[in-house]
C-alpha atoms as a PDB file:
ATOM      1  CA  UNK A   1      -1.642  40.079  82.780  1.00  0.00           C
ATOM      2  CA  UNK A   2      -3.841  41.126  79.996  1.00  0.00           C
ATOM      3  CA  UNK A   3      -6.394  38.449  79.448  1.00  0.00           C
ATOM      4  CA  UNK A   4      -9.036  37.469  76.690  1.00  0.00           C
ATOM      5  CA  UNK A   5     -11.632  35.078  78.126  1.00  0.00           C
ATOM      6  CA  UNK A   6     -14.026  33.540  75.392  1.00  0.00           C
ATOM      7  CA  UNK A   7     -17.334  33.300  77.329  1.00  0.00           C
ATOM      8  CA  UNK A   8     -16.896  34.680  81.014  1.00  0.00           C
ATOM      9  CA  UNK A   9     -20.666  35.329  81.929  1.00  0.00           C
ATOM     10  CA  UNK A  10     -21.576  31.872  83.260  1.00  0.00           C
ATOM     11  CA  UNK A  11     -20.285  29.579  86.174  1.00  0.00           C
ATOM     12  CA  UNK A  12     -16.514  29.029  85.547  1.00  0.00           C
ATOM     13  CA  UNK A  13     -16.395  32.059  83.268  1.00  0.00           C
ATOM     14  CA  UNK A  14     -17.531  34.078  86.190  1.00  0.00           C
ATOM     15  CA  UNK A  15     -14.977  33.060  88.470  1.00  0.00           C
ATOM     16  CA  UNK A  16     -12.368  33.556  85.794  1.00  0.00           C
ATOM     17  CA  UNK A  17     -13.402  37.426  85.587  1.00  0.00           C
ATOM     18  CA  UNK A  18     -13.795  37.903  89.244  1.00  0.00           C
ATOM     19  CA  UNK A  19     -10.446  36.397  90.573  1.00  0.00           C
ATOM     20  CA  UNK A  20      -8.922  38.119  87.554  1.00  0.00           C
ATOM     21  CA  UNK A  21     -10.490  41.863  88.552  1.00  0.00           C
ATOM     22  CA  UNK A  22      -9.376  41.022  92.530  1.00  0.00           C
ATOM     23  CA  UNK A  23      -5.604  40.525  91.264  1.00  0.00           C
ATOM     24  CA  UNK A  24      -5.826  43.505  89.175  1.00  0.00           C
ATOM     25  CA  UNK A  25      -5.300  41.841  85.731  1.00  0.00           C
ATOM     26  CA  UNK A  26      -6.950  43.717  82.801  1.00  0.00           C
ATOM     27  CA  UNK A  27      -9.918  41.662  81.140  1.00  0.00           C
ATOM     28  CA  UNK A  28     -11.642  41.520  77.929  1.00  0.00           C
ATOM     29  CA  UNK A  29     -14.805  39.413  77.263  1.00  0.00           C
ATOM     30  CA  UNK A  30     -15.797  37.787  73.865  1.00  0.00           C
ATOM     31  CA  UNK A  31     -19.189  36.526  73.629  1.00  0.00           C
ATOM     32  CA  UNK A  32     -22.501  36.904  71.878  1.00  0.00           C
ATOM     33  CA  UNK A  33     -23.739  39.206  74.449  1.00  0.00           C
ATOM     34  CA  UNK A  34     -26.777  37.242  75.064  1.00  0.00           C
ATOM     35  CA  UNK A  35     -26.218  35.717  78.682  1.00  0.00           C
ATOM     36  CA  UNK A  36     -25.970  37.765  81.874  1.00  0.00           C
ATOM     37  CA  UNK A  37     -25.018  40.607  79.767  1.00  0.00           C
ATOM     38  CA  UNK A  38     -25.408  43.283  82.496  1.00  0.00           C
ATOM     39  CA  UNK A  39     -22.381  41.606  84.492  1.00  0.00           C
ATOM     40  CA  UNK A  40     -19.093  43.227  84.904  1.00  0.00           C
ATOM     41  CA  UNK A  41     -20.183  46.794  83.465  1.00  0.00           C
ATOM     42  CA  UNK A  42     -16.628  48.208  83.912  1.00  0.00           C
ATOM     43  CA  UNK A  43     -14.993  45.167  81.897  1.00  0.00           C
ATOM     44  CA  UNK A  44     -14.513  45.565  78.023  1.00  0.00           C
ATOM     45  CA  UNK A  45     -16.680  43.462  76.264  1.00  0.00           C
ATOM     46  CA  UNK A  46     -16.478  42.198  72.387  1.00  0.00           C
ATOM     47  CA  UNK A  47     -19.394  40.996  70.509  1.00  0.00           C
ATOM     48  CA  UNK A  48     -19.009  37.952  68.047  1.00  0.00           C
ATOM     49  CA  UNK A  49     -20.359  34.542  67.538  1.00  0.00           C
ATOM     50  CA  UNK A  50     -17.853  31.562  67.242  1.00  0.00           C
ATOM     51  CA  UNK A  51     -20.819  29.398  66.071  1.00  0.00           C
ATOM     52  CA  UNK A  52     -21.196  31.294  62.775  1.00  0.00           C
ATOM     53  CA  UNK A  53     -17.523  32.495  62.391  1.00  0.00           C
ATOM     54  CA  UNK A  54     -17.914  36.061  63.483  1.00  0.00           C
ATOM     55  CA  UNK A  55     -14.574  36.780  64.955  1.00  0.00           C
ATOM     56  CA  UNK A  56     -13.927  40.238  63.448  1.00  0.00           C
ATOM     57  CA  UNK A  57     -13.743  41.992  66.924  1.00  0.00           C
ATOM     58  CA  UNK A  58     -10.694  39.759  67.744  1.00  0.00           C
ATOM     59  CA  UNK A  59      -8.744  40.920  64.792  1.00  0.00           C
ATOM     60  CA  UNK A  60      -5.908  43.306  65.254  1.00  0.00           C
ATOM     61  CA  UNK A  61      -5.834  42.932  69.150  1.00  0.00           C
ATOM     62  CA  UNK A  62      -3.252  41.390  71.322  1.00  0.00           C
ATOM     63  CA  UNK A  63      -3.608  39.901  74.868  1.00  0.00           C
ATOM     64  CA  UNK A  64      -1.067  37.985  77.166  1.00  0.00           C
ATOM     65  CA  UNK A  65      -3.400  34.930  77.552  1.00  0.00           C
ATOM     66  CA  UNK A  66      -6.515  33.622  76.146  1.00  0.00           C
ATOM     67  CA  UNK A  67      -8.954  31.417  77.897  1.00  0.00           C
ATOM     68  CA  UNK A  68     -11.277  29.022  76.166  1.00  0.00           C
ATOM     69  CA  UNK A  69     -14.072  28.031  78.337  1.00  0.00           C
ATOM     70  CA  UNK A  70     -15.886  26.418  75.306  1.00  0.00           C
ATOM     71  CA  UNK A  71     -18.670  24.197  76.189  1.00  0.00           C
ATOM     72  CA  UNK A  72     -20.320  21.462  74.049  1.00  0.00           C
ATOM     73  CA  UNK A  73     -21.071  22.204  70.430  1.00  0.00           C
ATOM     74  CA  UNK A  74     -21.217  19.811  67.508  1.00  0.00           C
ATOM     75  CA  UNK A  75     -18.355  21.394  65.556  1.00  0.00           C
ATOM     76  CA  UNK A  76     -16.129  22.331  68.555  1.00  0.00           C
ATOM     77  CA  UNK A  77     -13.159  21.363  66.856  1.00  0.00           C
ATOM     78  CA  UNK A  78     -13.731  23.825  64.187  1.00  0.00           C
ATOM     79  CA  UNK A  79     -14.655  26.493  66.537  1.00  0.00           C
ATOM     80  CA  UNK A  80     -11.334  26.107  68.414  1.00  0.00           C
ATOM     81  CA  UNK A  81      -9.383  25.999  65.462  1.00  0.00           C
ATOM     82  CA  UNK A  82     -10.732  29.089  63.709  1.00  0.00           C
ATOM     83  CA  UNK A  83     -10.168  31.100  67.146  1.00  0.00           C
ATOM     84  CA  UNK A  84      -6.763  29.497  67.846  1.00  0.00           C
ATOM     85  CA  UNK A  85      -5.242  30.215  64.396  1.00  0.00           C
ATOM     86  CA  UNK A  86      -7.049  33.791  64.350  1.00  0.00           C
ATOM     87  CA  UNK A  87      -4.891  34.403  67.556  1.00  0.00           C
ATOM     88  CA  UNK A  88      -1.761  32.565  67.437  1.00  0.00           C
ATOM     89  CA  UNK A  89       0.283  35.418  66.735  1.00  0.00           C
ATOM     90  CA  UNK A  90      -1.834  37.967  69.012  1.00  0.00           C
ATOM     91  CA  UNK A  91      -1.689  36.012  72.448  1.00  0.00           C
ATOM     92  CA  UNK A  92       1.444  34.332  74.157  1.00  0.00           C
ATOM     93  CA  UNK A  93      -0.423  31.539  75.879  1.00  0.00           C
ATOM     94  CA  UNK A  94      -3.867  29.620  75.185  1.00  0.00           C
ATOM     95  CA  UNK A  95      -5.717  27.830  77.720  1.00  0.00           C
ATOM     96  CA  UNK A  96      -8.270  25.182  76.944  1.00  0.00           C
ATOM     97  CA  UNK A  97     -10.758  24.050  79.526  1.00  0.00           C
ATOM     98  CA  UNK A  98     -11.242  20.322  78.507  1.00  0.00           C
ATOM     99  CA  UNK A  99     -12.834  17.724  80.570  1.00  0.00           C
ATOM    100  CA  UNK A 100     -11.853  14.171  82.187  1.00  0.00           C
ATOM    101  CA  UNK A 101     -14.631  12.954  79.554  1.00  0.00           C
ATOM    102  CA  UNK A 102     -11.913  12.742  76.864  1.00  0.00           C
ATOM    103  CA  UNK A 103     -10.736   9.655  78.185  1.00  0.00           C
ATOM    104  CA  UNK A 104     -12.106   6.616  76.469  1.00  0.00           C
ATOM    105  CA  UNK A 105     -11.033   4.081  79.170  1.00  0.00           C
ATOM    106  CA  UNK A 106     -11.046   5.180  82.758  1.00  0.00           C
ATOM    107  CA  UNK A 107      -9.123   3.419  85.180  1.00  0.00           C
ATOM    108  CA  UNK A 108      -8.716   3.727  89.202  1.00  0.00           C
ATOM    109  CA  UNK A 109      -5.709   6.399  89.631  1.00  0.00           C
ATOM    110  CA  UNK A 110      -5.411   6.660  86.006  1.00  0.00           C
ATOM    111  CA  UNK A 111      -3.389   9.799  84.879  1.00  0.00           C
ATOM    112  CA  UNK A 112      -3.005  12.002  81.870  1.00  0.00           C
ATOM    113  CA  UNK A 113      -1.691   9.329  79.573  1.00  0.00           C
ATOM    114  CA  UNK A 114      -5.138   7.285  79.680  1.00  0.00           C
ATOM    115  CA  UNK A 115      -6.169   6.729  76.039  1.00  0.00           C
ATOM    116  CA  UNK A 116      -8.509   9.401  74.756  1.00  0.00           C
ATOM    117  CA  UNK A 117     -11.319   9.140  72.451  1.00  0.00           C
ATOM    118  CA  UNK A 118     -10.036   8.795  68.533  1.00  0.00           C
ATOM    119  CA  UNK A 119     -10.604  10.972  65.778  1.00  0.00           C
ATOM    120  CA  UNK A 120     -13.343   9.457  64.163  1.00  0.00           C
ATOM    121  CA  UNK A 121     -15.656  12.325  63.603  1.00  0.00           C
ATOM    122  CA  UNK A 122     -18.625  10.301  62.746  1.00  0.00           C
ATOM    123  CA  UNK A 123     -18.703   7.668  65.320  1.00  0.00           C
ATOM    124  CA  UNK A 124     -21.330   5.010  64.977  1.00  0.00           C
ATOM    125  CA  UNK A 125     -24.001   4.441  67.735  1.00  0.00           C
ATOM    126  CA  UNK A 126     -21.957   6.664  70.156  1.00  0.00           C
ATOM    127  CA  UNK A 127     -23.542   7.859  73.683  1.00  0.00           C
ATOM    128  CA  UNK A 128     -23.723  11.711  73.991  1.00  0.00           C
ATOM    129  CA  UNK A 129     -21.235  11.261  76.672  1.00  0.00           C
ATOM    130  CA  UNK A 130     -19.070   9.485  74.179  1.00  0.00           C
ATOM    131  CA  UNK A 131     -19.508  12.378  71.459  1.00  0.00           C
ATOM    132  CA  UNK A 132     -18.962  15.053  73.820  1.00  0.00           C
ATOM    133  CA  UNK A 133     -15.535  13.396  74.796  1.00  0.00           C
ATOM    134  CA  UNK A 134     -14.489  12.788  71.159  1.00  0.00           C
ATOM    135  CA  UNK A 135     -15.245  16.649  70.283  1.00  0.00           C
ATOM    136  CA  UNK A 136     -13.247  17.835  73.365  1.00  0.00           C
ATOM    137  CA  UNK A 137     -10.411  15.517  72.394  1.00  0.00           C
ATOM    138  CA  UNK A 138     -10.326  16.873  68.857  1.00  0.00           C
ATOM    139  CA  UNK A 139     -10.426  20.545  70.233  1.00  0.00           C
ATOM    140  CA  UNK A 140      -7.277  19.480  72.573  1.00  0.00           C
ATOM    141  CA  UNK A 141      -5.469  18.415  69.834  1.00  0.00           C
ATOM    142  CA  UNK A 142      -6.206  21.495  67.820  1.00  0.00           C
ATOM    143  CA  UNK A 143      -4.558  23.697  70.778  1.00  0.00           C
ATOM    144  CA  UNK A 144      -1.587  21.338  71.130  1.00  0.00           C
ATOM    145  CA  UNK A 145      -1.049  21.622  67.359  1.00  0.00           C
ATOM    146  CA  UNK A 146      -1.210  25.370  66.960  1.00  0.00           C
ATOM    147  CA  UNK A 147       0.432  26.254  70.236  1.00  0.00           C
ATOM    148  CA  UNK A 148       2.617  23.583  71.444  1.00  0.00           C
ATOM    149  CA  UNK A 149       4.181  24.358  74.632  1.00  0.00           C
ATOM    150  CA  UNK A 150       2.276  27.667  74.767  1.00  0.00           C
ATOM    151  CA  UNK A 151      -0.905  25.814  75.367  1.00  0.00           C
ATOM    152  CA  UNK A 152      -2.450  24.423  78.654  1.00  0.00           C
ATOM    153  CA  UNK A 153      -4.913  21.831  78.496  1.00  0.00           C
ATOM    154  CA  UNK A 154      -6.943  21.498  81.624  1.00  0.00           C
ATOM    155  CA  UNK A 155      -9.013  18.465  82.215  1.00  0.00           C
ATOM    156  CA  UNK A 156     -11.586  19.220  85.427  1.00  0.00           C
ATOM    157  CA  UNK A 157     -14.258  16.470  86.398  1.00  0.00           C
ATOM    158  CA  UNK A 158     -17.147  17.678  88.123  1.00  0.00           C
ATOM    159  CA  UNK A 159     -16.648  21.721  88.996  1.00  0.00           C
ATOM    160  CA  UNK A 160     -18.632  23.084  91.821  1.00  0.00           C
ATOM    161  CA  UNK A 161     -19.151  26.427  93.768  1.00  0.00           C
ATOM    162  CA  UNK A 162     -21.086  29.550  93.640  1.00  0.00           C
ATOM    163  CA  UNK A 163     -22.696  30.308  90.314  1.00  0.00           C
ATOM    164  CA  UNK A 164     -23.074  26.573  89.512  1.00  0.00           C
ATOM    165  CA  UNK A 165     -25.851  25.912  86.930  1.00  0.00           C
ATOM    166  CA  UNK A 166     -25.935  22.386  86.818  1.00  0.00           C
ATOM    167  CA  UNK A 167     -26.762  21.513  90.376  1.00  0.00           C
ATOM    168  CA  UNK A 168     -25.104  18.231  90.928  1.00  0.00           C
ATOM    169  CA  UNK A 169     -23.652  19.235  94.561  1.00  0.00           C
ATOM    170  CA  UNK A 170     -26.294  22.039  94.983  1.00  0.00           C
ATOM    171  CA  UNK A 171     -28.919  19.351  94.881  1.00  0.00           C
ATOM    172  CA  UNK A 172     -27.587  17.581  98.250  1.00  0.00           C
ATOM    173  CA  UNK A 173     -26.404  20.681  99.774  1.00  0.00           C
ATOM    174  CA  UNK A 174     -30.053  22.013  99.453  1.00  0.00           C
ATOM    175  CA  UNK A 175     -31.908  18.762 100.240  1.00  0.00           C
ATOM    176  CA  UNK A 176     -29.542  17.887 103.302  1.00  0.00           C
ATOM    177  CA  UNK A 177     -30.345  21.443 104.540  1.00  0.00           C
ATOM    178  CA  UNK A 178     -34.062  20.920 104.000  1.00  0.00           C
ATOM    179  CA  UNK A 179     -33.879  17.932 106.914  1.00  0.00           C
ATOM    180  CA  UNK A 180     -35.846  15.136 107.395  1.00  0.00           C
ATOM    181  CA  UNK A 181     -35.355  11.567 105.822  1.00  0.00           C
ATOM    182  CA  UNK A 182     -32.981  11.713 102.775  1.00  0.00           C
ATOM    183  CA  UNK A 183     -32.854   9.091  99.937  1.00  0.00           C
ATOM    184  CA  UNK A 184     -29.354   8.589  99.384  1.00  0.00           C
ATOM    185  CA  UNK A 185     -27.737   5.802  97.018  1.00  0.00           C
ATOM    186  CA  UNK A 186     -25.980   2.508  97.973  1.00  0.00           C
ATOM    187  CA  UNK A 187     -23.288   3.462 100.707  1.00  0.00           C
ATOM    188  CA  UNK A 188     -21.567   6.378 102.326  1.00  0.00           C
ATOM    189  CA  UNK A 189     -18.242   4.828 101.104  1.00  0.00           C
ATOM    190  CA  UNK A 190     -19.316   5.686  97.495  1.00  0.00           C
ATOM    191  CA  UNK A 191     -16.170   7.547  95.988  1.00  0.00           C
ATOM    192  CA  UNK A 192     -16.526  11.248  94.928  1.00  0.00           C
ATOM    193  CA  UNK A 193     -14.500  13.748  93.094  1.00  0.00           C
ATOM    194  CA  UNK A 194     -15.041  17.342  92.620  1.00  0.00           C
ATOM    195  CA  UNK A 195     -13.286  20.888  92.427  1.00  0.00           C
ATOM    196  CA  UNK A 196     -14.106  24.152  93.851  1.00  0.00           C
ATOM    197  CA  UNK A 197     -14.210  26.354  90.711  1.00  0.00           C
ATOM    198  CA  UNK A 198     -12.256  29.255  92.867  1.00  0.00           C
ATOM    199  CA  UNK A 199      -9.397  26.687  93.602  1.00  0.00           C
ATOM    200  CA  UNK A 200      -9.544  25.519  89.894  1.00  0.00           C
ATOM    201  CA  UNK A 201      -9.362  29.358  88.281  1.00  0.00           C
ATOM    202  CA  UNK A 202      -6.622  30.127  90.913  1.00  0.00           C
ATOM    203  CA  UNK A 203      -4.359  27.550  89.874  1.00  0.00           C
ATOM    204  CA  UNK A 204      -4.842  28.195  86.234  1.00  0.00           C
ATOM    205  CA  UNK A 205      -3.782  31.648  86.619  1.00  0.00           C
ATOM    206  CA  UNK A 206      -0.693  30.749  88.632  1.00  0.00           C
ATOM    207  CA  UNK A 207       0.176  28.366  85.613  1.00  0.00           C
ATOM    208  CA  UNK A 208      -0.467  31.285  83.147  1.00  0.00           C
ATOM    209  CA  UNK A 209       1.889  33.511  85.210  1.00  0.00           C
ATOM    210  CA  UNK A 210       4.323  31.070  85.024  1.00  0.00           C
ATOM    211  CA  UNK A 211       3.612  30.215  81.331  1.00  0.00           C
ATOM    212  CA  UNK A 212       3.305  26.463  82.147  1.00  0.00           C
ATOM    213  CA  UNK A 213       2.130  24.552  79.594  1.00  0.00           C
ATOM    214  CA  UNK A 214       1.068  20.955  78.972  1.00  0.00           C
ATOM    215  CA  UNK A 215      -2.039  18.499  79.936  1.00  0.00           C
ATOM    216  CA  UNK A 216      -3.405  18.101  83.396  1.00  0.00           C
ATOM    217  CA  UNK A 217      -6.102  16.260  85.291  1.00  0.00           C
ATOM    218  CA  UNK A 218      -7.631  19.013  87.494  1.00  0.00           C
ATOM    219  CA  UNK A 219      -9.628  16.975  89.861  1.00  0.00           C
ATOM    220  CA  UNK A 220      -9.893  17.075  93.660  1.00  0.00           C
ATOM    221  CA  UNK A 221      -9.579  16.938  96.517  1.00  0.00           C
ATOM    222  CA  UNK A 222      -5.955  15.665  97.537  1.00  0.00           C
ATOM    223  CA  UNK A 223      -7.441  12.908  99.889  1.00  0.00           C
ATOM    224  CA  UNK A 224      -9.892  10.145  99.092  1.00  0.00           C
ATOM    225  CA  UNK A 225     -13.312  11.664  99.239  1.00  0.00           C
ATOM    226  CA  UNK A 226     -16.708   9.678  99.719  1.00  0.00           C
ATOM    227  CA  UNK A 227     -20.399  10.441  99.509  1.00  0.00           C
ATOM    228  CA  UNK A 228     -20.896   9.915 103.274  1.00  0.00           C
ATOM    229  CA  UNK A 229     -18.308  12.688 103.963  1.00  0.00           C
ATOM    230  CA  UNK A 230     -19.964  15.136 101.544  1.00  0.00           C
ATOM    231  CA  UNK A 231     -23.389  14.852 103.200  1.00  0.00           C
ATOM    232  CA  UNK A 232     -22.437  14.790 106.674  1.00  0.00           C
ATOM    233  CA  UNK A 233     -20.385  18.089 105.909  1.00  0.00           C
ATOM    234  CA  UNK A 234     -23.750  19.299 104.363  1.00  0.00           C
ATOM    235  CA  UNK A 235     -25.446  18.405 107.466  1.00  0.00           C
ATOM    236  CA  UNK A 236     -23.033  20.243 109.665  1.00  0.00           C
ATOM    237  CA  UNK A 237     -22.796  23.308 107.585  1.00  0.00           C
ATOM    238  CA  UNK A 238     -26.553  23.949 107.618  1.00  0.00           C
ATOM    239  CA  UNK A 239     -27.211  22.513 111.001  1.00  0.00           C
ATOM    240  CA  UNK A 240     -30.124  20.243 109.750  1.00  0.00           C
ATOM    241  CA  UNK A 241     -31.676  16.990 111.216  1.00  0.00           C
ATOM    242  CA  UNK A 242     -31.263  15.105 108.108  1.00  0.00           C
ATOM    243  CA  UNK A 243     -31.285  11.151 108.282  1.00  0.00           C
ATOM    244  CA  UNK A 244     -29.665   9.559 105.574  1.00  0.00           C
ATOM    245  CA  UNK A 245     -31.454   6.311 104.147  1.00  0.00           C
ATOM    246  CA  UNK A 246     -29.039   4.372 102.262  1.00  0.00           C
ATOM    247  CA  UNK A 247     -30.842   2.400  99.442  1.00  0.00           C
ATOM    248  CA  UNK A 248     -29.112  -0.441  97.470  1.00  0.00           C
ATOM    249  CA  UNK A 249     -28.799   0.787  93.899  1.00  0.00           C
ATOM    250  CA  UNK A 250     -30.416  -2.207  92.411  1.00  0.00           C
ATOM    251  CA  UNK A 251     -33.716  -1.053  94.140  1.00  0.00           C
ATOM    252  CA  UNK A 252     -33.351   2.500  92.887  1.00  0.00           C
ATOM    253  CA  UNK A 253     -32.650   1.497  89.471  1.00  0.00           C
ATOM    254  CA  UNK A 254     -36.085  -0.622  89.846  1.00  0.00           C
ATOM    255  CA  UNK A 255     -37.678   2.432  90.885  1.00  0.00           C
ATOM    256  CA  UNK A 256     -36.603   4.148  87.597  1.00  0.00           C
ATOM    257  CA  UNK A 257     -34.200   6.388  89.511  1.00  0.00           C
ATOM    258  CA  UNK A 258     -31.452   7.833  87.121  1.00  0.00           C
ATOM    259  CA  UNK A 259     -27.927   7.758  87.858  1.00  0.00           C
ATOM    260  CA  UNK A 260     -26.025  11.014  88.111  1.00  0.00           C
ATOM    261  CA  UNK A 261     -28.440  13.491  86.567  1.00  0.00           C
ATOM    262  CA  UNK A 262     -31.522  12.414  89.134  1.00  0.00           C
ATOM    263  CA  UNK A 263     -29.414  11.286  91.957  1.00  0.00           C
ATOM    264  CA  UNK A 264     -26.161  13.443  91.306  1.00  0.00           C
ATOM    265  CA  UNK A 265     -23.011  11.964  92.432  1.00  0.00           C
ATOM    266  CA  UNK A 266     -24.211   8.498  91.989  1.00  0.00           C
ATOM    267  CA  UNK A 267     -22.647   6.437  89.030  1.00  0.00           C
ATOM    268  CA  UNK A 268     -23.539   2.938  87.525  1.00  0.00           C
ATOM    269  CA  UNK A 269     -21.556   0.193  89.057  1.00  0.00           C
ATOM    270  CA  UNK A 270     -18.895   0.028  86.371  1.00  0.00           C
ATOM    271  CA  UNK A 271     -17.881   3.577  87.000  1.00  0.00           C
ATOM    272  CA  UNK A 272     -18.019   3.846  90.424  1.00  0.00           C
ATOM    273  CA  UNK A 273     -14.440   3.077  91.012  1.00  0.00           C
ATOM    274  CA  UNK A 274     -12.953   4.767  87.781  1.00  0.00           C
ATOM    275  CA  UNK A 275     -14.643   7.949  86.990  1.00  0.00           C
ATOM    276  CA  UNK A 276     -14.393   9.860  90.562  1.00  0.00           C
ATOM    277  CA  UNK A 277     -10.717   8.157  91.264  1.00  0.00           C
ATOM    278  CA  UNK A 278      -8.669   9.693  88.875  1.00  0.00           C
ATOM    279  CA  UNK A 279      -4.942  10.820  89.580  1.00  0.00           C
ATOM    280  CA  UNK A 280      -4.205  14.498  90.229  1.00  0.00           C
ATOM    281  CA  UNK A 281      -0.544  14.213  91.435  1.00  0.00           C
ATOM    282  CA  UNK A 282       0.604  16.006  88.386  1.00  0.00           C
ATOM    283  CA  UNK A 283      -1.605  19.240  88.983  1.00  0.00           C
ATOM    284  CA  UNK A 284      -0.832  19.114  92.403  1.00  0.00           C
ATOM    285  CA  UNK A 285       2.862  18.935  92.072  1.00  0.00           C
ATOM    286  CA  UNK A 286       2.397  22.402  89.981  1.00  0.00           C
ATOM    287  CA  UNK A 287       0.810  23.869  92.643  1.00  0.00           C
ATOM    288  CA  UNK A 288      -2.977  22.936  92.579  1.00  0.00           C
ATOM    289  CA  UNK A 289      -4.449  23.149  96.145  1.00  0.00           C
ATOM    290  CA  UNK A 290      -8.030  22.700  97.686  1.00  0.00           C
ATOM    291  CA  UNK A 291     -10.243  24.676  99.882  1.00  0.00           C
ATOM    292  CA  UNK A 292     -11.534  22.852 102.669  1.00  0.00           C
ATOM    293  CA  UNK A 293     -14.781  21.009 102.133  1.00  0.00           C
ATOM    294  CA  UNK A 294     -16.682  22.618 104.708  1.00  0.00           C
ATOM    295  CA  UNK A 295     -15.696  26.331 103.008  1.00  0.00           C
ATOM    296  CA  UNK A 296     -16.885  24.999  99.684  1.00  0.00           C
ATOM    297  CA  UNK A 297     -20.263  23.551 100.841  1.00  0.00           C
ATOM    298  CA  UNK A 298     -20.816  26.719 103.110  1.00  0.00           C
ATOM    299  CA  UNK A 299     -20.158  29.328 100.460  1.00  0.00           C
ATOM    300  CA  UNK A 300     -22.266  26.957  97.983  1.00  0.00           C
ATOM    301  CA  UNK A 301     -25.342  27.027 100.504  1.00  0.00           C
ATOM    302  CA  UNK A 302     -25.162  30.705 101.080  1.00  0.00           C
ATOM    303  CA  UNK A 303     -25.228  31.470  97.449  1.00  0.00           C
ATOM    304  CA  UNK A 304     -27.787  29.069  96.798  1.00  0.00           C
ATOM    305  CA  UNK A 305     -30.151  30.276  99.382  1.00  0.00           C
ATOM    306  CA  UNK A 306     -29.812  34.048  98.053  1.00  0.00           C
ATOM    307  CA  UNK A 307     -30.159  33.104  94.510  1.00  0.00           C
ATOM    308  CA  UNK A 308     -32.531  30.084  94.781  1.00  0.00           C
ATOM    309  CA  UNK A 309     -31.823  29.154  91.150  1.00  0.00           C
ATOM    310  CA  UNK A 310     -33.549  26.024  89.170  1.00  0.00           C
ATOM    311  CA  UNK A 311     -31.339  23.090  88.442  1.00  0.00           C
ATOM    312  CA  UNK A 312     -31.622  20.690  85.563  1.00  0.00           C
ATOM    313  CA  UNK A 313     -30.443  17.907  87.709  1.00  0.00           C
ATOM    314  CA  UNK A 314     -32.052  16.507  91.036  1.00  0.00           C
ATOM    315  CA  UNK A 315     -34.681  14.235  92.408  1.00  0.00           C
ATOM    316  CA  UNK A 316     -38.233  15.709  92.855  1.00  0.00           C
ATOM    317  CA  UNK A 317     -39.503  15.383  96.410  1.00  0.00           C
ATOM    318  CA  UNK A 318     -42.377  13.628  95.289  1.00  0.00           C
ATOM    319  CA  UNK A 319     -40.508  10.873  93.724  1.00  0.00           C
ATOM    320  CA  UNK A 320     -38.069  10.819  96.512  1.00  0.00           C
ATOM    321  CA  UNK A 321     -41.117  10.159  98.972  1.00  0.00           C
ATOM    322  CA  UNK A 322     -42.321   7.297  96.674  1.00  0.00           C
ATOM    323  CA  UNK A 323     -39.325   5.480  96.581  1.00  0.00           C
ATOM    324  CA  UNK A 324     -38.733   5.691 100.127  1.00  0.00           C
ATOM    325  CA  UNK A 325     -42.100   4.331 100.968  1.00  0.00           C
ATOM    326  CA  UNK A 326     -41.461   1.534  98.323  1.00  0.00           C
ATOM    327  CA  UNK A 327     -38.314   0.711 100.079  1.00  0.00           C
ATOM    328  CA  UNK A 328     -40.027   0.373 103.470  1.00  0.00           C
ATOM    329  CA  UNK A 329     -42.754  -1.772 102.187  1.00  0.00           C
ATOM    330  CA  UNK A 330     -39.946  -4.095 100.477  1.00  0.00           C
ATOM    331  CA  UNK A 331     -38.117  -4.151 103.956  1.00  0.00           C
ATOM    332  CA  UNK A 332     -41.108  -5.036 105.568  1.00  0.00           C
ATOM    333  CA  UNK A 333     -42.231  -7.795 103.515  1.00  0.00           C
ATOM    334  CA  UNK A 334     -38.665  -9.092 103.498  1.00  0.00           C
ATOM    335  CA  UNK A 335     -38.042  -8.790  99.886  1.00  0.00           C
ATOM    336  CA  UNK A 336     -34.481  -9.633  98.738  1.00  0.00           C
ATOM    337  CA  UNK A 337     -33.233  -6.540  97.299  1.00  0.00           C
END
């Protein structure tokens, strides 16, 4: 395949590039040339800026497929429309990486027919997550309008693996490997869903080869996973002596601990059995498969030790220590938590 990747130098985009090169595909990157530009010196790189409409480098070229890894921009719908319309006669197949955040209403075991956010471009008093989901839903509609069956809409949830730049799973891998008492939220039975970036990309390329369009929830794994299993696997992989201290959610909230960002994979009660429990049967039926949990965690741990990146999410060691001390005092005093 001859592939155009919009982006390609951060997290998921890097996996698209590396797996493509391993498979012998021909790659062209289109981006601003501002992030990790020294990567992939033997890959063709076109410079432009979708934010200001500078798409000149794409004109007059042809590719088999385009992979649009667009993240969050206020004008995402127009960015995608400009690119999709420019390329509609130059590529056979358009792949748009969307998100499960497009769903306005989440339900346990909900599939791809769940209602998405509407087309109100200036929704009043919306949260940042709702605005993000709305923009992604609008961008999806653009791809479907222009490409129809030649478009693949992929809706992942949390993506994990080497090159992770957000740190949700890496926080736990790193913290458990450090050992000692680990502050953990609520219960080991908290449901979790995430997908290894490499599994996601390998599957997307198989779909591209088959020119299989449509809309898919690309979440994992193919069994019910909980936080206790994830943390125990982190402990086994790292060989640490970590001891998990499960603290009720109400107490964590009373101590000012933030969901998801500060204690990753921990969600507000209203979302605990919906957001991480979406249906992935359609993608599995079309070949989506999953690496063993231990492999994903092992590879992530090895990469994290080598690169030692700084992440925007996670709980500081000082705050963790203070909350654990407060929890012990409350327990000793017999306070009803």
